[in-house]
All heavy atoms as atom14 arrays in JSON, in Angstrom:
{
  "sequence": "AVLKDLYKTLVYRVSRWRNERSEVMPVNIIERPPSAELKPDQVDQDT",
  "atom14_mask": [
    [1, 1, 1, 1, 1, 0, 0, 0, 0, 0, 0, 0, 0, 0],
    [1, 1, 1, 1, 1, 1, 1, 0, 0, 0, 0, 0, 0, 0],
    [1, 1, 1, 1, 1, 1, 1, 1, 0, 0, 0, 0, 0, 0],
    [1, 1, 1, 1, 1, 1, 1, 1, 1, 0, 0, 0, 0, 0],
    [1, 1, 1, 1, 1, 1, 1, 1, 0, 0, 0, 0, 0, 0],
    [1, 1, 1, 1, 1, 1, 1, 1, 0, 0, 0, 0, 0, 0],
    [1, 1, 1, 1, 1, 1, 1, 1, 1, 1, 1, 1, 0, 0],
    [1, 1, 1, 1, 1, 1, 1, 1, 1, 0, 0, 0, 0, 0],
    [1, 1, 1, 1, 1, 1, 1, 0, 0, 0, 0, 0, 0, 0],
    [1, 1, 1, 1, 1, 1, 1, 1, 0, 0, 0, 0, 0, 0],
    [1, 1, 1, 1, 1, 1, 1, 0, 0, 0, 0, 0, 0, 0],
    [1, 1, 1, 1, 1, 1, 1, 1, 1, 1, 1, 1, 0, 0],
    [1, 1, 1, 1, 1, 1, 1, 1, 1, 1, 1, 0, 0, 0],
    [1, 1, 1, 1, 1, 1, 1, 0, 0, 0, 0, 0, 0, 0],
    [1, 1, 1, 1, 1, 1, 0, 0, 0, 0, 0, 0, 0, 0],
    [1, 1, 1, 1, 1, 1, 1, 1, 1, 1, 1, 0, 0, 0],
    [1, 1, 1, 1, 1, 1, 1, 1, 1, 1, 1, 1, 1, 1],
    [1, 1, 1, 1, 1, 1, 1, 1, 1, 1, 1, 0, 0, 0],
    [1, 1, 1, 1, 1, 1, 1, 1, 0, 0, 0, 0, 0, 0],
    [1, 1, 1, 1, 1, 1, 1, 1, 1, 0, 0, 0, 0, 0],
    [1, 1, 1, 1, 1, 1, 1, 1, 1, 1, 1, 0, 0, 0],
    [1, 1, 1, 1, 1, 1, 0, 0, 0, 0, 0, 0, 0, 0],
    [1, 1, 1, 1, 1, 1, 1, 1, 1, 0, 0, 0, 0, 0],
    [1, 1, 1, 1, 1, 1, 1, 0, 0, 0, 0, 0, 0, 0],
    [1, 1, 1, 1, 1, 1, 1, 1, 0, 0, 0, 0, 0, 0],
    [1, 1, 1, 1, 1, 1, 1, 0, 0, 0, 0, 0, 0, 0],
    [1, 1, 1, 1, 1, 1, 1, 0, 0, 0, 0, 0, 0, 0],
    [1, 1, 1, 1, 1, 1, 1, 1, 0, 0, 0, 0, 0, 0],
    [1, 1, 1, 1, 1, 1, 1, 1, 0, 0, 0, 0, 0, 0],
    [1, 1, 1, 1, 1, 1, 1, 1, 0, 0, 0, 0, 0, 0],
    [1, 1, 1, 1, 1, 1, 1, 1, 1, 0, 0, 0, 0, 0],
    [1, 1, 1, 1, 1, 1, 1, 1, 1, 1, 1, 0, 0, 0],
    [1, 1, 1, 1, 1, 1, 1, 0, 0, 0, 0, 0, 0, 0],
    [1, 1, 1, 1, 1, 1, 1, 0, 0, 0, 0, 0, 0, 0],
    [1, 1, 1, 1, 1, 1, 0, 0, 0, 0, 0, 0, 0, 0],
    [1, 1, 1, 1, 1, 0, 0, 0, 0, 0, 0, 0, 0, 0],
    [1, 1, 1, 1, 1, 1, 1, 1, 1, 0, 0, 0, 0, 0],
    [1, 1, 1, 1, 1, 1, 1, 1, 0, 0, 0, 0, 0, 0],
    [1, 1, 1, 1, 1, 1, 1, 1, 1, 0, 0, 0, 0, 0],
    [1, 1, 1, 1, 1, 1, 1, 0, 0, 0, 0, 0, 0, 0],
    [1, 1, 1, 1, 1, 1, 1, 1, 0, 0, 0, 0, 0, 0],
    [1, 1, 1, 1, 1, 1, 1, 1, 1, 0, 0, 0, 0, 0],
    [1, 1, 1, 1, 1, 1, 1, 0, 0, 0, 0, 0, 0, 0],
    [1, 1, 1, 1, 1, 1, 1, 1, 0, 0, 0, 0, 0, 0],
    [1, 1, 1, 1, 1, 1, 1, 1, 1, 0, 0, 0, 0, 0],
    [1, 1, 1, 1, 1, 1, 1, 1, 0, 0, 0, 0, 0, 0],
    [1, 1, 1, 1, 1, 1, 1, 0, 0, 0, 0, 0, 0, 0]
  ],
  "atom14_positions": [
    [[-0.59, 5.16, 11.07], [0.07, 3.94, 10.62], [1.58, 4.16, 10.61], [2.13, 4.77, 9.68], [-0.42, 3.55, 9.23], [0.0, 0.0, 0.0], [0.0, 0.0, 0.0], [0.0, 0.0, 0.0], [0.0, 0.0, 0.0], [0.0, 0.0, 0.0], [0.0, 0.0, 0.0], [0.0, 0.0, 0.0], [0.0, 0.0, 0.0], [0.0, 0.0, 0.0]],
    [[2.25, 3.65, 11.62], [3.68, 3.95, 11.82], [4.54, 3.32, 10.74], [5.47, 3.95, 10.21], [4.12, 3.48, 13.22], [5.58, 3.8, 13.45], [3.24, 4.12, 14.29], [0.0, 0.0, 0.0], [0.0, 0.0, 0.0], [0.0, 0.0, 0.0], [0.0, 0.0, 0.0], [0.0, 0.0, 0.0], [0.0, 0.0, 0.0], [0.0, 0.0, 0.0]],
    [[4.28, 2.06, 10.38], [5.13, 1.33, 9.44], [4.59, 1.34, 8.01], [5.05, 0.59, 7.16], [5.27, -0.14, 9.87], [5.63, -0.44, 11.33], [5.76, -1.94, 11.53], [6.91, 0.27, 11.73], [0.0, 0.0, 0.0], [0.0, 0.0, 0.0], [0.0, 0.0, 0.0], [0.0, 0.0, 0.0], [0.0, 0.0, 0.0], [0.0, 0.0, 0.0]],
    [[3.65, 2.18, 7.72], [2.93, 2.15, 6.45], [3.84, 2.2, 5.24], [3.51, 1.66, 4.18], [1.93, 3.31, 6.41], [1.02, 3.33, 5.2], [0.02, 4.47, 5.31], [-0.95, 4.5, 4.15], [-1.95, 5.59, 4.28], [0.0, 0.0, 0.0], [0.0, 0.0, 0.0], [0.0, 0.0, 0.0], [0.0, 0.0, 0.0], [0.0, 0.0, 0.0]],
    [[4.99, 2.85, 5.36], [5.89, 3.0, 4.21], [7.22, 2.29, 4.44], [8.23, 2.67, 3.84], [6.12, 4.49, 3.92], [6.58, 4.74, 2.5], [6.22, 3.95, 1.61], [7.3, 5.74, 2.27], [0.0, 0.0, 0.0], [0.0, 0.0, 0.0], [0.0, 0.0, 0.0], [0.0, 0.0, 0.0], [0.0, 0.0, 0.0], [0.0, 0.0, 0.0]],
    [[7.21, 1.27, 5.29], [8.42, 0.5, 5.57], [8.21, -0.93, 5.09], [7.34, -1.65, 5.59], [8.71, 0.5, 7.08], [10.1, 0.06, 7.52], [11.16, 1.07, 7.08], [10.16, -0.13, 9.03], [0.0, 0.0, 0.0], [0.0, 0.0, 0.0], [0.0, 0.0, 0.0], [0.0, 0.0, 0.0], [0.0, 0.0, 0.0], [0.0, 0.0, 0.0]],
    [[8.99, -1.33, 4.09], [8.88, -2.7, 3.57], [9.19, -3.71, 4.68], [9.96, -3.42, 5.61], [9.85, -2.91, 2.42], [9.51, -2.14, 1.16], [10.25, -1.03, 0.77], [8.43, -2.53, 0.37], [9.95, -0.33, -0.39], [8.12, -1.83, -0.8], [8.88, -0.73, -1.17], [8.57, -0.04, -2.31], [0.0, 0.0, 0.0], [0.0, 0.0, 0.0]],
    [[8.63, -4.91, 4.52], [8.85, -5.95, 5.54], [10.34, -6.27, 5.69], [10.81, -6.48, 6.82], [8.1, -7.22, 5.14], [8.12, -8.32, 6.2], [7.22, -8.0, 7.38], [7.0, -9.21, 8.26], [5.93, -8.98, 9.25], [0.0, 0.0, 0.0], [0.0, 0.0, 0.0], [0.0, 0.0, 0.0], [0.0, 0.0, 0.0], [0.0, 0.0, 0.0]],
    [[11.07, -6.3, 4.6], [12.51, -6.57, 4.72], [13.2, -5.48, 5.55], [14.11, -5.78, 6.33], [13.15, -6.66, 3.33], [12.71, -5.54, 2.53], [12.77, -7.95, 2.63], [0.0, 0.0, 0.0], [0.0, 0.0, 0.0], [0.0, 0.0, 0.0], [0.0, 0.0, 0.0], [0.0, 0.0, 0.0], [0.0, 0.0, 0.0], [0.0, 0.0, 0.0]],
    [[12.74, -4.23, 5.4], [13.31, -3.15, 6.21], [12.83, -3.22, 7.65], [13.54, -2.8, 8.57], [12.97, -1.79, 5.6], [14.04, -1.17, 4.7], [13.53, 0.14, 4.1], [15.33, -0.92, 5.45], [0.0, 0.0, 0.0], [0.0, 0.0, 0.0], [0.0, 0.0, 0.0], [0.0, 0.0, 0.0], [0.0, 0.0, 0.0], [0.0, 0.0, 0.0]],
    [[11.62, -3.73, 7.86], [11.14, -3.91, 9.23], [12.13, -4.76, 10.02], [12.49, -4.44, 11.16], [9.74, -4.56, 9.25], [9.37, -5.02, 10.66], [8.68, -3.59, 8.73], [0.0, 0.0, 0.0], [0.0, 0.0, 0.0], [0.0, 0.0, 0.0], [0.0, 0.0, 0.0], [0.0, 0.0, 0.0], [0.0, 0.0, 0.0], [0.0, 0.0, 0.0]],
    [[12.59, -5.84, 9.41], [13.56, -6.7, 10.09], [14.89, -5.99, 10.3], [15.49, -6.07, 11.39], [13.76, -7.99, 9.3], [12.63, -8.98, 9.49], [11.7, -9.2, 8.48], [12.49, -9.68, 10.68], [10.65, -10.1, 8.66], [11.45, -10.57, 10.87], [10.54, -10.78, 9.85], [9.51, -11.67, 10.04], [0.0, 0.0, 0.0], [0.0, 0.0, 0.0]],
    [[15.37, -5.29, 9.28], [16.66, -4.59, 9.41], [16.59, -3.51, 10.5], [17.51, -3.38, 11.31], [17.05, -3.96, 8.07], [17.53, -4.94, 7.03], [17.71, -4.28, 5.68], [18.55, -3.09, 5.73], [18.74, -2.27, 4.69], [18.12, -2.51, 3.54], [19.53, -1.21, 4.81], [0.0, 0.0, 0.0], [0.0, 0.0, 0.0], [0.0, 0.0, 0.0]],
    [[15.51, -2.74, 10.5], [15.38, -1.67, 11.49], [15.21, -2.26, 12.89], [15.74, -1.73, 13.87], [14.21, -0.75, 11.11], [13.95, 0.27, 12.21], [14.51, -0.03, 9.79], [0.0, 0.0, 0.0], [0.0, 0.0, 0.0], [0.0, 0.0, 0.0], [0.0, 0.0, 0.0], [0.0, 0.0, 0.0], [0.0, 0.0, 0.0], [0.0, 0.0, 0.0]],
    [[14.49, -3.37, 13.01], [14.3, -4.01, 14.31], [15.65, -4.49, 14.87], [15.93, -4.32, 16.06], [13.32, -5.18, 14.19], [12.04, -4.72, 13.81], [0.0, 0.0, 0.0], [0.0, 0.0, 0.0], [0.0, 0.0, 0.0], [0.0, 0.0, 0.0], [0.0, 0.0, 0.0], [0.0, 0.0, 0.0], [0.0, 0.0, 0.0], [0.0, 0.0, 0.0]],
    [[16.45, -5.1, 14.02], [17.77, -5.55, 14.48], [18.63, -4.35, 14.89], [19.35, -4.39, 15.89], [18.47, -6.35, 13.37], [17.8, -7.7, 13.1], [18.61, -8.54, 12.12], [17.94, -9.8, 11.84], [17.18, -10.02, 10.77], [17.02, -9.05, 9.86], [16.59, -11.18, 10.59], [0.0, 0.0, 0.0], [0.0, 0.0, 0.0], [0.0, 0.0, 0.0]],
    [[18.56, -3.27, 14.1], [19.31, -2.05, 14.43], [18.89, -1.53, 15.8], [19.74, -1.18, 16.62], [19.08, -0.99, 13.35], [19.74, 0.32, 13.65], [21.01, 0.71, 13.32], [19.16, 1.42, 14.39], [21.26, 1.97, 13.8], [20.14, 2.42, 14.46], [17.93, 1.64, 14.99], [19.92, 3.64, 15.1], [17.7, 2.84, 15.65], [18.68, 3.83, 15.69]],
    [[17.57, -1.47, 16.05], [17.1, -0.96, 17.34], [17.55, -1.86, 18.48], [17.94, -1.38, 19.56], [15.56, -0.84, 17.33], [14.96, -0.38, 18.66], [15.47, 0.99, 19.05], [14.97, 1.42, 20.34], [15.53, 1.1, 21.51], [16.61, 0.32, 21.55], [15.02, 1.56, 22.63], [0.0, 0.0, 0.0], [0.0, 0.0, 0.0], [0.0, 0.0, 0.0]],
    [[17.54, -3.17, 18.27], [17.94, -4.09, 19.31], [19.43, -4.01, 19.62], [19.86, -4.33, 20.72], [17.57, -5.53, 18.94], [16.4, -6.05, 19.76], [15.63, -5.27, 20.33], [16.26, -7.36, 19.84], [0.0, 0.0, 0.0], [0.0, 0.0, 0.0], [0.0, 0.0, 0.0], [0.0, 0.0, 0.0], [0.0, 0.0, 0.0], [0.0, 0.0, 0.0]],
    [[20.23, -3.58, 18.64], [21.66, -3.39, 18.9], [21.91, -2.23, 19.86], [22.93, -2.22, 20.55], [22.39, -3.15, 17.58], [22.49, -4.39, 16.69], [22.99, -4.06, 15.3], [23.3, -2.87, 15.04], [23.08, -4.98, 14.46], [0.0, 0.0, 0.0], [0.0, 0.0, 0.0], [0.0, 0.0, 0.0], [0.0, 0.0, 0.0], [0.0, 0.0, 0.0]],
    [[21.0, -1.27, 19.91], [21.14, -0.14, 20.85], [20.79, -0.58, 22.26], [21.46, -0.24, 23.21], [20.25, 1.02, 20.41], [20.92, 1.96, 19.43], [21.03, 1.36, 18.06], [22.18, 1.92, 17.32], [22.82, 1.25, 16.39], [22.47, 0.02, 16.08], [23.83, 1.79, 15.75], [0.0, 0.0, 0.0], [0.0, 0.0, 0.0], [0.0, 0.0, 0.0]],
    [[19.73, -1.32, 22.4], [19.34, -1.97, 23.66], [18.3, -3.01, 23.28], [17.42, -2.74, 22.45], [18.76, -0.97, 24.67], [17.62, -0.32, 24.16], [0.0, 0.0, 0.0], [0.0, 0.0, 0.0], [0.0, 0.0, 0.0], [0.0, 0.0, 0.0], [0.0, 0.0, 0.0], [0.0, 0.0, 0.0], [0.0, 0.0, 0.0], [0.0, 0.0, 0.0]],
    [[18.39, -4.18, 23.86], [17.57, -5.3, 23.4], [16.16, -5.19, 23.98], [15.82, -5.81, 24.97], [18.21, -6.63, 23.79], [17.64, -7.8, 22.99], [18.43, -9.08, 23.17], [19.54, -9.17, 22.6], [17.95, -9.97, 23.88], [0.0, 0.0, 0.0], [0.0, 0.0, 0.0], [0.0, 0.0, 0.0], [0.0, 0.0, 0.0], [0.0, 0.0, 0.0]],
    [[15.33, -4.42, 23.29], [13.95, -4.23, 23.75], [13.02, -5.31, 23.21], [11.93, -5.51, 23.75], [13.43, -2.83, 23.34], [14.23, -1.74, 24.04], [13.48, -2.65, 21.83], [0.0, 0.0, 0.0], [0.0, 0.0, 0.0], [0.0, 0.0, 0.0], [0.0, 0.0, 0.0], [0.0, 0.0, 0.0], [0.0, 0.0, 0.0], [0.0, 0.0, 0.0]],
    [[13.44, -6.0, 22.14], [12.61, -7.05, 21.55], [13.23, -8.41, 21.84], [14.42, -8.61, 21.58], [12.51, -6.87, 20.03], [11.96, -5.55, 19.58], [11.96, -5.42, 17.76], [12.17, -3.65, 17.57], [0.0, 0.0, 0.0], [0.0, 0.0, 0.0], [0.0, 0.0, 0.0], [0.0, 0.0, 0.0], [0.0, 0.0, 0.0], [0.0, 0.0, 0.0]],
    [[12.46, -9.34, 22.36], [12.97, -10.7, 22.46], [13.43, -11.2, 21.09], [12.78, -10.94, 20.08], [11.77, -11.5, 22.97], [10.92, -10.49, 23.68], [11.1, -9.21, 22.91], [0.0, 0.0, 0.0], [0.0, 0.0, 0.0], [0.0, 0.0, 0.0], [0.0, 0.0, 0.0], [0.0, 0.0, 0.0], [0.0, 0.0, 0.0], [0.0, 0.0, 0.0]],
    [[14.56, -11.9, 21.06], [15.14, -12.34, 19.79], [14.17, -13.19, 18.98], [14.13, -13.13, 17.75], [16.46, -13.1, 20.04], [17.01, -13.66, 18.74], [17.47, -12.17, 20.69], [0.0, 0.0, 0.0], [0.0, 0.0, 0.0], [0.0, 0.0, 0.0], [0.0, 0.0, 0.0], [0.0, 0.0, 0.0], [0.0, 0.0, 0.0], [0.0, 0.0, 0.0]],
    [[13.32, -13.97, 19.67], [12.33, -14.81, 18.97], [11.47, -13.99, 18.02], [11.11, -14.46, 16.93], [11.39, -15.48, 19.99], [12.03, -16.68, 20.65], [12.95, -17.25, 20.11], [11.52, -17.04, 21.82], [0.0, 0.0, 0.0], [0.0, 0.0, 0.0], [0.0, 0.0, 0.0], [0.0, 0.0, 0.0], [0.0, 0.0, 0.0], [0.0, 0.0, 0.0]],
    [[11.13, -12.78, 18.43], [10.23, -11.95, 17.63], [10.84, -11.66, 16.26], [10.14, -11.66, 15.24], [9.9, -10.64, 18.37], [8.98, -10.92, 19.56], [9.27, -9.61, 17.45], [8.64, -9.7, 20.39], [0.0, 0.0, 0.0], [0.0, 0.0, 0.0], [0.0, 0.0, 0.0], [0.0, 0.0, 0.0], [0.0, 0.0, 0.0], [0.0, 0.0, 0.0]],
    [[12.15, -11.44, 16.23], [12.81, -11.08, 14.98], [13.15, -12.32, 14.16], [13.14, -12.29, 12.92], [14.09, -10.27, 15.28], [13.72, -8.99, 16.04], [14.84, -9.94, 14.01], [14.92, -8.17, 16.49], [0.0, 0.0, 0.0], [0.0, 0.0, 0.0], [0.0, 0.0, 0.0], [0.0, 0.0, 0.0], [0.0, 0.0, 0.0], [0.0, 0.0, 0.0]],
    [[13.41, -13.44, 14.82], [13.92, -14.62, 14.11], [12.84, -15.57, 13.63], [13.05, -16.31, 12.66], [14.92, -15.36, 15.01], [16.19, -14.56, 15.27], [17.22, -15.35, 16.05], [16.86, -16.42, 16.6], [18.37, -14.89, 16.13], [0.0, 0.0, 0.0], [0.0, 0.0, 0.0], [0.0, 0.0, 0.0], [0.0, 0.0, 0.0], [0.0, 0.0, 0.0]],
    [[11.68, -15.6, 14.25], [10.66, -16.58, 13.87], [10.0, -16.18, 12.56], [9.93, -14.98, 12.22], [9.61, -16.71, 14.97], [8.81, -15.46, 15.21], [7.88, -15.55, 16.4], [6.81, -16.5, 16.18], [5.64, -16.46, 16.82], [5.4, -15.5, 17.73], [4.71, -17.35, 16.57], [0.0, 0.0, 0.0], [0.0, 0.0, 0.0], [0.0, 0.0, 0.0]],
    [[9.47, -17.14, 11.78], [8.76, -16.81, 10.54], [7.53, -15.97, 10.84], [6.79, -16.25, 11.8], [8.37, -18.18, 9.97], [9.31, -19.14, 10.61], [9.59, -18.6, 11.98], [0.0, 0.0, 0.0], [0.0, 0.0, 0.0], [0.0, 0.0, 0.0], [0.0, 0.0, 0.0], [0.0, 0.0, 0.0], [0.0, 0.0, 0.0], [0.0, 0.0, 0.0]],
    [[7.26, -14.94, 10.04], [6.1, -14.09, 10.31], [4.79, -14.83, 10.06], [4.67, -15.62, 9.12], [6.27, -12.93, 9.32], [7.14, -13.48, 8.23], [8.04, -14.47, 8.89], [0.0, 0.0, 0.0], [0.0, 0.0, 0.0], [0.0, 0.0, 0.0], [0.0, 0.0, 0.0], [0.0, 0.0, 0.0], [0.0, 0.0, 0.0], [0.0, 0.0, 0.0]],
    [[3.79, -14.54, 10.93], [2.49, -15.19, 10.82], [1.4, -14.3, 11.38], [1.6, -13.62, 12.38], [2.49, -16.51, 11.59], [1.18, -17.05, 11.69], [0.0, 0.0, 0.0], [0.0, 0.0, 0.0], [0.0, 0.0, 0.0], [0.0, 0.0, 0.0], [0.0, 0.0, 0.0], [0.0, 0.0, 0.0], [0.0, 0.0, 0.0], [0.0, 0.0, 0.0]],
    [[0.25, -14.3, 10.7], [-0.92, -13.58, 11.22], [-1.6, -14.35, 12.35], [-2.42, -13.79, 13.08], [-1.91, -13.31, 10.1], [0.0, 0.0, 0.0], [0.0, 0.0, 0.0], [0.0, 0.0, 0.0], [0.0, 0.0, 0.0], [0.0, 0.0, 0.0], [0.0, 0.0, 0.0], [0.0, 0.0, 0.0], [0.0, 0.0, 0.0], [0.0, 0.0, 0.0]],
    [[-1.31, -15.65, 12.48], [-1.88, -16.52, 13.52], [-3.42, -16.44, 13.55], [-4.04, -16.25, 14.59], [-1.29, -16.18, 14.88], [0.18, -16.52, 14.99], [0.72, -16.45, 16.42], [0.24, -15.59, 17.2], [1.62, -17.23, 16.74], [0.0, 0.0, 0.0], [0.0, 0.0, 0.0], [0.0, 0.0, 0.0], [0.0, 0.0, 0.0], [0.0, 0.0, 0.0]],
    [[-4.01, -16.62, 12.37], [-5.47, -16.61, 12.27], [-6.03, -18.0, 12.01], [-7.25, -18.18, 11.94], [-5.92, -15.64, 11.17], [-5.55, -14.17, 11.41], [-5.86, -13.34, 10.18], [-6.27, -13.61, 12.64], [0.0, 0.0, 0.0], [0.0, 0.0, 0.0], [0.0, 0.0, 0.0], [0.0, 0.0, 0.0], [0.0, 0.0, 0.0], [0.0, 0.0, 0.0]],
    [[-5.11, -18.97, 11.8], [-5.51, -20.37, 11.68], [-4.3, -21.23, 12.05], [-3.18, -20.7, 12.16], [-6.0, -20.68, 10.26], [-4.96, -20.51, 9.17], [-5.57, -20.82, 7.81], [-4.52, -20.68, 6.7], [-5.11, -20.97, 5.36], [0.0, 0.0, 0.0], [0.0, 0.0, 0.0], [0.0, 0.0, 0.0], [0.0, 0.0, 0.0], [0.0, 0.0, 0.0]],
    [[-4.46, -22.52, 12.25], [-3.35, -23.35, 12.71], [-2.17, -23.35, 11.73], [-2.35, -23.41, 10.51], [-3.97, -24.75, 12.82], [-5.43, -24.5, 13.0], [-5.73, -23.28, 12.2], [0.0, 0.0, 0.0], [0.0, 0.0, 0.0], [0.0, 0.0, 0.0], [0.0, 0.0, 0.0], [0.0, 0.0, 0.0], [0.0, 0.0, 0.0], [0.0, 0.0, 0.0]],
    [[-0.95, -23.22, 12.31], [0.31, -23.36, 11.57], [0.41, -22.4, 10.38], [1.02, -22.71, 9.36], [0.48, -24.81, 11.07], [0.43, -25.81, 12.21], [1.04, -25.54, 13.26], [-0.22, -26.87, 12.04], [0.0, 0.0, 0.0], [0.0, 0.0, 0.0], [0.0, 0.0, 0.0], [0.0, 0.0, 0.0], [0.0, 0.0, 0.0], [0.0, 0.0, 0.0]],
    [[-0.15, -21.24, 10.5], [-0.15, -20.27, 9.4], [1.14, -19.46, 9.39], [1.65, -19.05, 10.44], [-1.34, -19.31, 9.56], [-1.49, -18.3, 8.44], [-2.67, -17.36, 8.7], [-2.86, -16.9, 9.83], [-3.46, -17.11, 7.67], [0.0, 0.0, 0.0], [0.0, 0.0, 0.0], [0.0, 0.0, 0.0], [0.0, 0.0, 0.0], [0.0, 0.0, 0.0]],
    [[1.71, -19.23, 8.2], [2.82, -18.3, 8.03], [2.52, -17.43, 6.81], [1.75, -17.82, 5.92], [4.18, -19.02, 7.84], [4.59, -19.76, 9.1], [4.15, -19.96, 6.65], [0.0, 0.0, 0.0], [0.0, 0.0, 0.0], [0.0, 0.0, 0.0], [0.0, 0.0, 0.0], [0.0, 0.0, 0.0], [0.0, 0.0, 0.0], [0.0, 0.0, 0.0]],
    [[3.12, -16.23, 6.75], [2.82, -15.29, 5.67], [3.1, -15.88, 4.3], [2.4, -15.61, 3.33], [3.65, -14.01, 5.84], [3.21, -13.18, 7.04], [2.3, -13.62, 7.76], [3.8, -12.11, 7.26], [0.0, 0.0, 0.0], [0.0, 0.0, 0.0], [0.0, 0.0, 0.0], [0.0, 0.0, 0.0], [0.0, 0.0, 0.0], [0.0, 0.0, 0.0]],
    [[4.18, -16.69, 4.21], [4.57, -17.22, 2.92], [3.61, -18.29, 2.38], [3.79, -18.77, 1.27], [6.0, -17.75, 2.98], [7.01, -16.79, 2.33], [7.07, -15.42, 3.01], [7.66, -15.26, 4.07], [6.47, -14.41, 2.41], [0.0, 0.0, 0.0], [0.0, 0.0, 0.0], [0.0, 0.0, 0.0], [0.0, 0.0, 0.0], [0.0, 0.0, 0.0]],
    [[2.57, -18.63, 3.16], [1.5, -19.47, 2.62], [0.78, -18.75, 1.48], [0.29, -19.38, 0.53], [0.47, -19.82, 3.7], [1.03, -20.76, 4.75], [2.03, -21.44, 4.47], [0.46, -20.81, 5.86], [0.0, 0.0, 0.0], [0.0, 0.0, 0.0], [0.0, 0.0, 0.0], [0.0, 0.0, 0.0], [0.0, 0.0, 0.0], [0.0, 0.0, 0.0]],
    [[0.68, -17.44, 1.59], [-0.11, -16.67, 0.62], [0.68, -15.58, -0.09], [0.18, -14.99, -1.05], [-1.32, -16.01, 1.32], [-0.85, -15.3, 2.47], [-2.32, -17.06, 1.76], [0.0, 0.0, 0.0], [0.0, 0.0, 0.0], [0.0, 0.0, 0.0], [0.0, 0.0, 0.0], [0.0, 0.0, 0.0], [0.0, 0.0, 0.0], [0.0, 0.0, 0.0]]
  ]
}
């Protein structure tokens, strides 16, 4: 489990840091609201 001890807020900070070195992640991935996409229009902040 690579991210097991990385808070979600740090996931975003570290992702932005990595993209500043070279843009390996499409910007949409970092900017869109997080979602498990297990039902229509779901976002993490629903629960």
